Amino acid sequence: NDAICVPKNFDPELKKKLLAILVGLSEEKA
């Protein structure tokens, strides 16, 4: 399916935080 993307060399810590938010969403909330 579609990709959620960030630019090359994006801040590693912020990437971790974004990913945690995305995958942490319940199906109902999402």
PDB file of all heavy atoms in Angstrom:
ATOM      1  N   ASN A   1       0.832  -1.202   0.000  1.00  0.00           N
ATOM      2  CA  ASN A   1       0.000   0.000   0.000  1.00  0.00           C
ATOM      3  C   ASN A   1       0.873   1.262   0.000  1.00  0.00           C
ATOM      4  O   ASN A   1       2.104   1.198  -0.008  1.00  0.00           O
ATOM      5  CB  ASN A   1      -0.921   0.009   1.215  1.00  0.00           C
ATOM      6  CG  ASN A   1      -2.216  -0.738   0.972  1.00  0.00           C
ATOM      7  OD1 ASN A   1      -2.669  -0.887  -0.155  1.00  0.00           O
ATOM      8  ND2 ASN A   1      -2.819  -1.233   2.043  1.00  0.00           N
ATOM      9  N   ASP A   2       0.221   2.412   0.056  1.00  0.00           N
ATOM     10  CA  ASP A   2       0.898   3.694  -0.003  1.00  0.00           C
ATOM     11  C   ASP A   2       1.927   3.845   1.120  1.00  0.00           C
ATOM     12  O   ASP A   2       1.779   3.292   2.211  1.00  0.00           O
ATOM     13  CB  ASP A   2      -0.112   4.833   0.087  1.00  0.00           C
ATOM     14  CG  ASP A   2      -1.083   4.821  -1.090  1.00  0.00           C
ATOM     15  OD1 ASP A   2      -0.761   4.197  -2.126  1.00  0.00           O
ATOM     16  OD2 ASP A   2      -2.152   5.429  -0.976  1.00  0.00           O
ATOM     17  N   ALA A   3       2.955   4.639   0.822  1.00  0.00           N
ATOM     18  CA  ALA A   3       4.089   4.797   1.728  1.00  0.00           C
ATOM     19  C   ALA A   3       4.050   6.145   2.445  1.00  0.00           C
ATOM     20  O   ALA A   3       3.762   7.176   1.829  1.00  0.00           O
ATOM     21  CB  ALA A   3       5.391   4.682   0.943  1.00  0.00           C
ATOM     22  N   ILE A   4       4.334   6.125   3.741  1.00  0.00           N
ATOM     23  CA  ILE A   4       4.527   7.355   4.513  1.00  0.00           C
ATOM     24  C   ILE A   4       6.028   7.609   4.539  1.00  0.00           C
ATOM     25  O   ILE A   4       6.795   6.777   5.030  1.00  0.00           O
ATOM     26  CB  ILE A   4       3.971   7.230   5.938  1.00  0.00           C
ATOM     27  CG1 ILE A   4       2.514   6.757   5.908  1.00  0.00           C
ATOM     28  CG2 ILE A   4       4.102   8.573   6.662  1.00  0.00           C
ATOM     29  CD1 ILE A   4       1.580   7.641   5.100  1.00  0.00           C
ATOM     30  N   CYS A   5       6.452   8.764   4.021  1.00  0.00           N
ATOM     31  CA  CYS A   5       7.863   8.997   3.733  1.00  0.00           C
ATOM     32  C   CYS A   5       8.405  10.268   4.375  1.00  0.00           C
ATOM     33  O   CYS A   5       7.656  11.194   4.689  1.00  0.00           O
ATOM     34  CB  CYS A   5       8.062   9.112   2.221  1.00  0.00           C
ATOM     35  SG  CYS A   5       7.436   7.699   1.296  1.00  0.00           S
ATOM     36  N   VAL A   6       9.729  10.287   4.517  1.00  0.00           N
ATOM     37  CA  VAL A   6      10.450  11.472   4.992  1.00  0.00           C
ATOM     38  C   VAL A   6      11.641  11.696   4.067  1.00  0.00           C
ATOM     39  O   VAL A   6      12.079  10.777   3.353  1.00  0.00           O
ATOM     40  CB  VAL A   6      10.938  11.308   6.443  1.00  0.00           C
ATOM     41  CG1 VAL A   6       9.755  11.198   7.398  1.00  0.00           C
ATOM     42  CG2 VAL A   6      11.852  10.084   6.576  1.00  0.00           C
ATOM     43  N   PRO A   7      12.201  12.906   4.059  1.00  0.00           N
ATOM     44  CA  PRO A   7      13.362  13.172   3.213  1.00  0.00           C
ATOM     45  C   PRO A   7      14.598  12.403   3.662  1.00  0.00           C
ATOM     46  O   PRO A   7      14.696  11.950   4.807  1.00  0.00           O
ATOM     47  CB  PRO A   7      13.576  14.690   3.380  1.00  0.00           C
ATOM     48  CG  PRO A   7      12.307  15.218   3.933  1.00  0.00           C
ATOM     49  CD  PRO A   7      11.730  14.115   4.755  1.00  0.00           C
ATOM     50  N   LYS A   8      15.552  12.290   2.762  1.00  0.00           N
ATOM     51  CA  LYS A   8      16.837  11.688   3.073  1.00  0.00           C
ATOM     52  C   LYS A   8      17.501  12.445   4.229  1.00  0.00           C
ATOM     53  O   LYS A   8      17.404  13.667   4.307  1.00  0.00           O
ATOM     54  CB  LYS A   8      17.725  11.742   1.828  1.00  0.00           C
ATOM     55  CG  LYS A   8      19.079  11.092   1.973  1.00  0.00           C
ATOM     56  CD  LYS A   8      19.845  11.216   0.675  1.00  0.00           C
ATOM     57  CE  LYS A   8      21.221  10.548   0.777  1.00  0.00           C
ATOM     58  NZ  LYS A   8      21.979  10.685  -0.498  1.00  0.00           N
ATOM     59  N   ASN A   9      18.141  11.715   5.112  1.00  0.00           N
ATOM     60  CA  ASN A   9      18.863  12.300   6.251  1.00  0.00           C
ATOM     61  C   ASN A   9      17.950  13.032   7.232  1.00  0.00           C
ATOM     62  O   ASN A   9      18.372  13.957   7.926  1.00  0.00           O
ATOM     63  CB  ASN A   9      19.966  13.253   5.768  1.00  0.00           C
ATOM     64  CG  ASN A   9      21.010  12.536   4.929  1.00  0.00           C
ATOM     65  OD1 ASN A   9      21.350  11.390   5.199  1.00  0.00           O
ATOM     66  ND2 ASN A   9      21.512  13.212   3.902  1.00  0.00           N
ATOM     67  N   PHE A  10      16.699  12.611   7.301  1.00  0.00           N
ATOM     68  CA  PHE A  10      15.762  13.177   8.264  1.00  0.00           C
ATOM     69  C   PHE A  10      16.227  12.817   9.677  1.00  0.00           C
ATOM     70  O   PHE A  10      16.846  11.772   9.891  1.00  0.00           O
ATOM     71  CB  PHE A  10      14.370  12.602   8.006  1.00  0.00           C
ATOM     72  CG  PHE A  10      13.243  13.322   8.686  1.00  0.00           C
ATOM     73  CD1 PHE A  10      12.856  14.584   8.278  1.00  0.00           C
ATOM     74  CD2 PHE A  10      12.561  12.729   9.735  1.00  0.00           C
ATOM     75  CE1 PHE A  10      11.803  15.244   8.895  1.00  0.00           C
ATOM     76  CE2 PHE A  10      11.513  13.378  10.363  1.00  0.00           C
ATOM     77  CZ  PHE A  10      11.129  14.641   9.935  1.00  0.00           C
ATOM     78  N   ASP A  11      15.941  13.654  10.634  1.00  0.00           N
ATOM     79  CA  ASP A  11      16.385  13.449  12.017  1.00  0.00           C
ATOM     80  C   ASP A  11      15.994  12.054  12.528  1.00  0.00           C
ATOM     81  O   ASP A  11      14.813  11.710  12.574  1.00  0.00           O
ATOM     82  CB  ASP A  11      15.762  14.518  12.918  1.00  0.00           C
ATOM     83  CG  ASP A  11      16.202  14.359  14.360  1.00  0.00           C
ATOM     84  OD1 ASP A  11      17.287  14.848  14.702  1.00  0.00           O
ATOM     85  OD2 ASP A  11      15.448  13.732  15.142  1.00  0.00           O
ATOM     86  N   PRO A  12      16.957  11.215  12.907  1.00  0.00           N
ATOM     87  CA  PRO A  12      16.683   9.831  13.322  1.00  0.00           C
ATOM     88  C   PRO A  12      15.728   9.723  14.513  1.00  0.00           C
ATOM     89  O   PRO A  12      14.858   8.844  14.534  1.00  0.00           O
ATOM     90  CB  PRO A  12      18.067   9.278  13.677  1.00  0.00           C
ATOM     91  CG  PRO A  12      19.022  10.128  12.920  1.00  0.00           C
ATOM     92  CD  PRO A  12      18.412  11.489  12.890  1.00  0.00           C
ATOM     93  N   GLU A  13      15.896  10.583  15.486  1.00  0.00           N
ATOM     94  CA  GLU A  13      15.030  10.519  16.664  1.00  0.00           C
ATOM     95  C   GLU A  13      13.596  10.891  16.316  1.00  0.00           C
ATOM     96  O   GLU A  13      12.639  10.289  16.817  1.00  0.00           O
ATOM     97  CB  GLU A  13      15.561  11.439  17.764  1.00  0.00           C
ATOM     98  CG  GLU A  13      16.821  10.928  18.432  1.00  0.00           C
ATOM     99  CD  GLU A  13      16.648   9.539  19.022  1.00  0.00           C
ATOM    100  OE1 GLU A  13      15.612   9.314  19.696  1.00  0.00           O
ATOM    101  OE2 GLU A  13      17.515   8.688  18.808  1.00  0.00           O
ATOM    102  N   LEU A  14      13.453  11.876  15.439  1.00  0.00           N
ATOM    103  CA  LEU A  14      12.115  12.284  15.030  1.00  0.00           C
ATOM    104  C   LEU A  14      11.456  11.190  14.193  1.00  0.00           C
ATOM    105  O   LEU A  14      10.247  10.965  14.288  1.00  0.00           O
ATOM    106  CB  LEU A  14      12.180  13.596  14.249  1.00  0.00           C
ATOM    107  CG  LEU A  14      10.861  14.338  14.012  1.00  0.00           C
ATOM    108  CD1 LEU A  14      10.066  14.483  15.301  1.00  0.00           C
ATOM    109  CD2 LEU A  14      11.125  15.699  13.376  1.00  0.00           C
ATOM    110  N   LYS A  15      12.258  10.482  13.395  1.00  0.00           N
ATOM    111  CA  LYS A  15      11.713   9.349  12.626  1.00  0.00           C
ATOM    112  C   LYS A  15      11.146   8.292  13.568  1.00  0.00           C
ATOM    113  O   LYS A  15      10.060   7.750  13.330  1.00  0.00           O
ATOM    114  CB  LYS A  15      12.809   8.724  11.748  1.00  0.00           C
ATOM    115  CG  LYS A  15      13.075   9.448  10.458  1.00  0.00           C
ATOM    116  CD  LYS A  15      13.857   8.595   9.471  1.00  0.00           C
ATOM    117  CE  LYS A  15      15.218   8.227   9.972  1.00  0.00           C
ATOM    118  NZ  LYS A  15      16.024   7.536   8.924  1.00  0.00           N
ATOM    119  N   LYS A  16      11.870   7.998  14.631  1.00  0.00           N
ATOM    120  CA  LYS A  16      11.399   7.001  15.598  1.00  0.00           C
ATOM    121  C   LYS A  16      10.086   7.429  16.241  1.00  0.00           C
ATOM    122  O   LYS A  16       9.170   6.625  16.413  1.00  0.00           O
ATOM    123  CB  LYS A  16      12.458   6.779  16.672  1.00  0.00           C
ATOM    124  CG  LYS A  16      13.714   6.064  16.196  1.00  0.00           C
ATOM    125  CD  LYS A  16      14.702   5.895  17.340  1.00  0.00           C
ATOM    126  CE  LYS A  16      15.985   5.230  16.875  1.00  0.00           C
ATOM    127  NZ  LYS A  16      16.970   5.107  17.980  1.00  0.00           N
ATOM    128  N   LYS A  17      10.008   8.717  16.578  1.00  0.00           N
ATOM    129  CA  LYS A  17       8.795   9.232  17.209  1.00  0.00           C
ATOM    130  C   LYS A  17       7.610   9.174  16.250  1.00  0.00           C
ATOM    131  O   LYS A  17       6.502   8.782  16.629  1.00  0.00           O
ATOM    132  CB  LYS A  17       9.026  10.660  17.686  1.00  0.00           C
ATOM    133  CG  LYS A  17       9.974  10.774  18.868  1.00  0.00           C
ATOM    134  CD  LYS A  17      10.189  12.228  19.273  1.00  0.00           C
ATOM    135  CE  LYS A  17      11.163  12.338  20.439  1.00  0.00           C
ATOM    136  NZ  LYS A  17      11.400  13.762  20.817  1.00  0.00           N
ATOM    137  N   LEU A  18       7.841   9.568  14.997  1.00  0.00           N
ATOM    138  CA  LEU A  18       6.768   9.534  14.000  1.00  0.00           C
ATOM    139  C   LEU A  18       6.270   8.108  13.772  1.00  0.00           C
ATOM    140  O   LEU A  18       5.063   7.855  13.713  1.00  0.00           O
ATOM    141  CB  LEU A  18       7.266  10.123  12.673  1.00  0.00           C
ATOM    142  CG  LEU A  18       7.390  11.636  12.590  1.00  0.00           C
ATOM    143  CD1 LEU A  18       8.121  12.037  11.304  1.00  0.00           C
ATOM    144  CD2 LEU A  18       6.010  12.285  12.625  1.00  0.00           C
ATOM    145  N   LEU A  19       7.209   7.187  13.640  1.00  0.00           N
ATOM    146  CA  LEU A  19       6.827   5.796  13.417  1.00  0.00           C
ATOM    147  C   LEU A  19       6.035   5.249  14.592  1.00  0.00           C
ATOM    148  O   LEU A  19       5.023   4.549  14.409  1.00  0.00           O
ATOM    149  CB  LEU A  19       8.067   4.946  13.172  1.00  0.00           C
ATOM    150  CG  LEU A  19       7.812   3.459  12.907  1.00  0.00           C
ATOM    151  CD1 LEU A  19       6.905   3.268  11.700  1.00  0.00           C
ATOM    152  CD2 LEU A  19       9.142   2.720  12.715  1.00  0.00           C
ATOM    153  N   ALA A  20       6.461   5.586  15.810  1.00  0.00           N
ATOM    154  CA  ALA A  20       5.756   5.107  16.999  1.00  0.00           C
ATOM    155  C   ALA A  20       4.325   5.632  17.031  1.00  0.00           C
ATOM    156  O   ALA A  20       3.390   4.904  17.403  1.00  0.00           O
ATOM    157  CB  ALA A  20       6.504   5.536  18.262  1.00  0.00           C
ATOM    158  N   ILE A  21       4.145   6.887  16.635  1.00  0.00           N
ATOM    159  CA  ILE A  21       2.796   7.465  16.596  1.00  0.00           C
ATOM    160  C   ILE A  21       1.936   6.751  15.563  1.00  0.00           C
ATOM    161  O   ILE A  21       0.787   6.381  15.829  1.00  0.00           O
ATOM    162  CB  ILE A  21       2.863   8.969  16.274  1.00  0.00           C
ATOM    163  CG1 ILE A  21       3.473   9.734  17.451  1.00  0.00           C
ATOM    164  CG2 ILE A  21       1.485   9.523  15.953  1.00  0.00           C
ATOM    165  CD1 ILE A  21       3.808  11.181  17.145  1.00  0.00           C
ATOM    166  N   LEU A  22       2.504   6.534  14.377  1.00  0.00           N
ATOM    167  CA  LEU A  22       1.738   5.918  13.281  1.00  0.00           C
ATOM    168  C   LEU A  22       1.307   4.496  13.622  1.00  0.00           C
ATOM    169  O   LEU A  22       0.129   4.144  13.498  1.00  0.00           O
ATOM    170  CB  LEU A  22       2.571   5.919  11.996  1.00  0.00           C
ATOM    171  CG  LEU A  22       2.837   7.282  11.359  1.00  0.00           C
ATOM    172  CD1 LEU A  22       3.849   7.155  10.215  1.00  0.00           C
ATOM    173  CD2 LEU A  22       1.546   7.891  10.831  1.00  0.00           C
ATOM    174  N   VAL A  23       2.249   3.668  14.028  1.00  0.00           N
ATOM    175  CA  VAL A  23       1.911   2.260  14.283  1.00  0.00           C
ATOM    176  C   VAL A  23       1.174   2.093  15.608  1.00  0.00           C
ATOM    177  O   VAL A  23       0.552   1.052  15.845  1.00  0.00           O
ATOM    178  CB  VAL A  23       3.163   1.358  14.246  1.00  0.00           C
ATOM    179  CG1 VAL A  23       3.848   1.462  12.897  1.00  0.00           C
ATOM    180  CG2 VAL A  23       4.129   1.705  15.363  1.00  0.00           C
ATOM    181  N   GLY A  24       1.219   3.114  16.460  1.00  0.00           N
ATOM    182  CA  GLY A  24       0.528   3.039  17.734  1.00  0.00           C
ATOM    183  C   GLY A  24      -0.948   3.379  17.668  1.00  0.00           C
ATOM    184  O   GLY A  24      -1.681   3.173  18.636  1.00  0.00           O
ATOM    185  N   LEU A  25      -1.398   3.877  16.514  1.00  0.00           N
ATOM    186  CA  LEU A  25      -2.812   4.202  16.374  1.00  0.00           C
ATOM    187  C   LEU A  25      -3.663   2.936  16.357  1.00  0.00           C
ATOM    188  O   LEU A  25      -3.334   1.980  15.646  1.00  0.00           O
ATOM    189  CB  LEU A  25      -3.050   4.965  15.057  1.00  0.00           C
ATOM    190  CG  LEU A  25      -2.541   6.407  14.967  1.00  0.00           C
ATOM    191  CD1 LEU A  25      -2.640   6.904  13.526  1.00  0.00           C
ATOM    192  CD2 LEU A  25      -3.350   7.317  15.888  1.00  0.00           C
ATOM    193  N   SER A  26      -4.734   2.931  17.101  1.00  0.00           N
ATOM    194  CA  SER A  26      -5.670   1.809  17.001  1.00  0.00           C
ATOM    195  C   SER A  26      -6.380   1.897  15.653  1.00  0.00           C
ATOM    196  O   SER A  26      -6.435   2.969  15.035  1.00  0.00           O
ATOM    197  CB  SER A  26      -6.698   1.875  18.127  1.00  0.00           C
ATOM    198  OG  SER A  26      -7.545   3.003  17.945  1.00  0.00           O
ATOM    199  N   GLU A  27      -6.925   0.782  15.209  1.00  0.00           N
ATOM    200  CA  GLU A  27      -7.631   0.795  13.926  1.00  0.00           C
ATOM    201  C   GLU A  27      -8.824   1.745  13.973  1.00  0.00           C
ATOM    202  O   GLU A  27      -9.131   2.417  12.992  1.00  0.00           O
ATOM    203  CB  GLU A  27      -8.066  -0.614  13.536  1.00  0.00           C
ATOM    204  CG  GLU A  27      -6.909  -1.527  13.183  1.00  0.00           C
ATOM    205  CD  GLU A  27      -7.331  -2.804  12.507  1.00  0.00           C
ATOM    206  OE1 GLU A  27      -8.551  -3.119  12.509  1.00  0.00           O
ATOM    207  OE2 GLU A  27      -6.463  -3.507  11.942  1.00  0.00           O
ATOM    208  N   GLU A  28      -9.487   1.809  15.123  1.00  0.00           N
ATOM    209  CA  GLU A  28     -10.648   2.694  15.251  1.00  0.00           C
ATOM    210  C   GLU A  28     -10.228   4.159  15.166  1.00  0.00           C
ATOM    211  O   GLU A  28     -10.863   4.954  14.456  1.00  0.00           O
ATOM    212  CB  GLU A  28     -11.362   2.440  16.584  1.00  0.00           C
ATOM    213  CG  GLU A  28     -12.024   1.074  16.699  1.00  0.00           C
ATOM    214  CD  GLU A  28     -11.032  -0.056  16.929  1.00  0.00           C
ATOM    215  OE1 GLU A  28      -9.853   0.221  17.292  1.00  0.00           O
ATOM    216  OE2 GLU A  28     -11.424  -1.227  16.730  1.00  0.00           O
ATOM    217  N   LYS A  29      -9.158   4.525  15.852  1.00  0.00           N
ATOM    218  CA  LYS A  29      -8.674   5.900  15.824  1.00  0.00           C
ATOM    219  C   LYS A  29      -8.168   6.268  14.431  1.00  0.00           C
ATOM    220  O   LYS A  29      -8.472   7.346  13.904  1.00  0.00           O
ATOM    221  CB  LYS A  29      -7.563   6.088  16.847  1.00  0.00           C
ATOM    222  CG  LYS A  29      -6.983   7.499  16.904  1.00  0.00           C
ATOM    223  CD  LYS A  29      -8.017   8.524  17.341  1.00  0.00           C
ATOM    224  CE  LYS A  29      -7.392   9.886  17.528  1.00  0.00           C
ATOM    225  NZ  LYS A  29      -8.401  10.909  17.909  1.00  0.00           N
ATOM    226  N   ALA A  30      -7.411   5.361  13.829  1.00  0.00           N
ATOM    227  CA  ALA A  30      -6.882   5.627  12.498  1.00  0.00           C
ATOM    228  C   ALA A  30      -8.007   5.805  11.490  1.00  0.00           C
ATOM    229  O   ALA A  30      -7.973   6.693  10.633  1.00  0.00           O
ATOM    230  CB  ALA A  30      -5.959   4.486  12.061  1.00  0.00           C
TER     231      ALA A  30
END
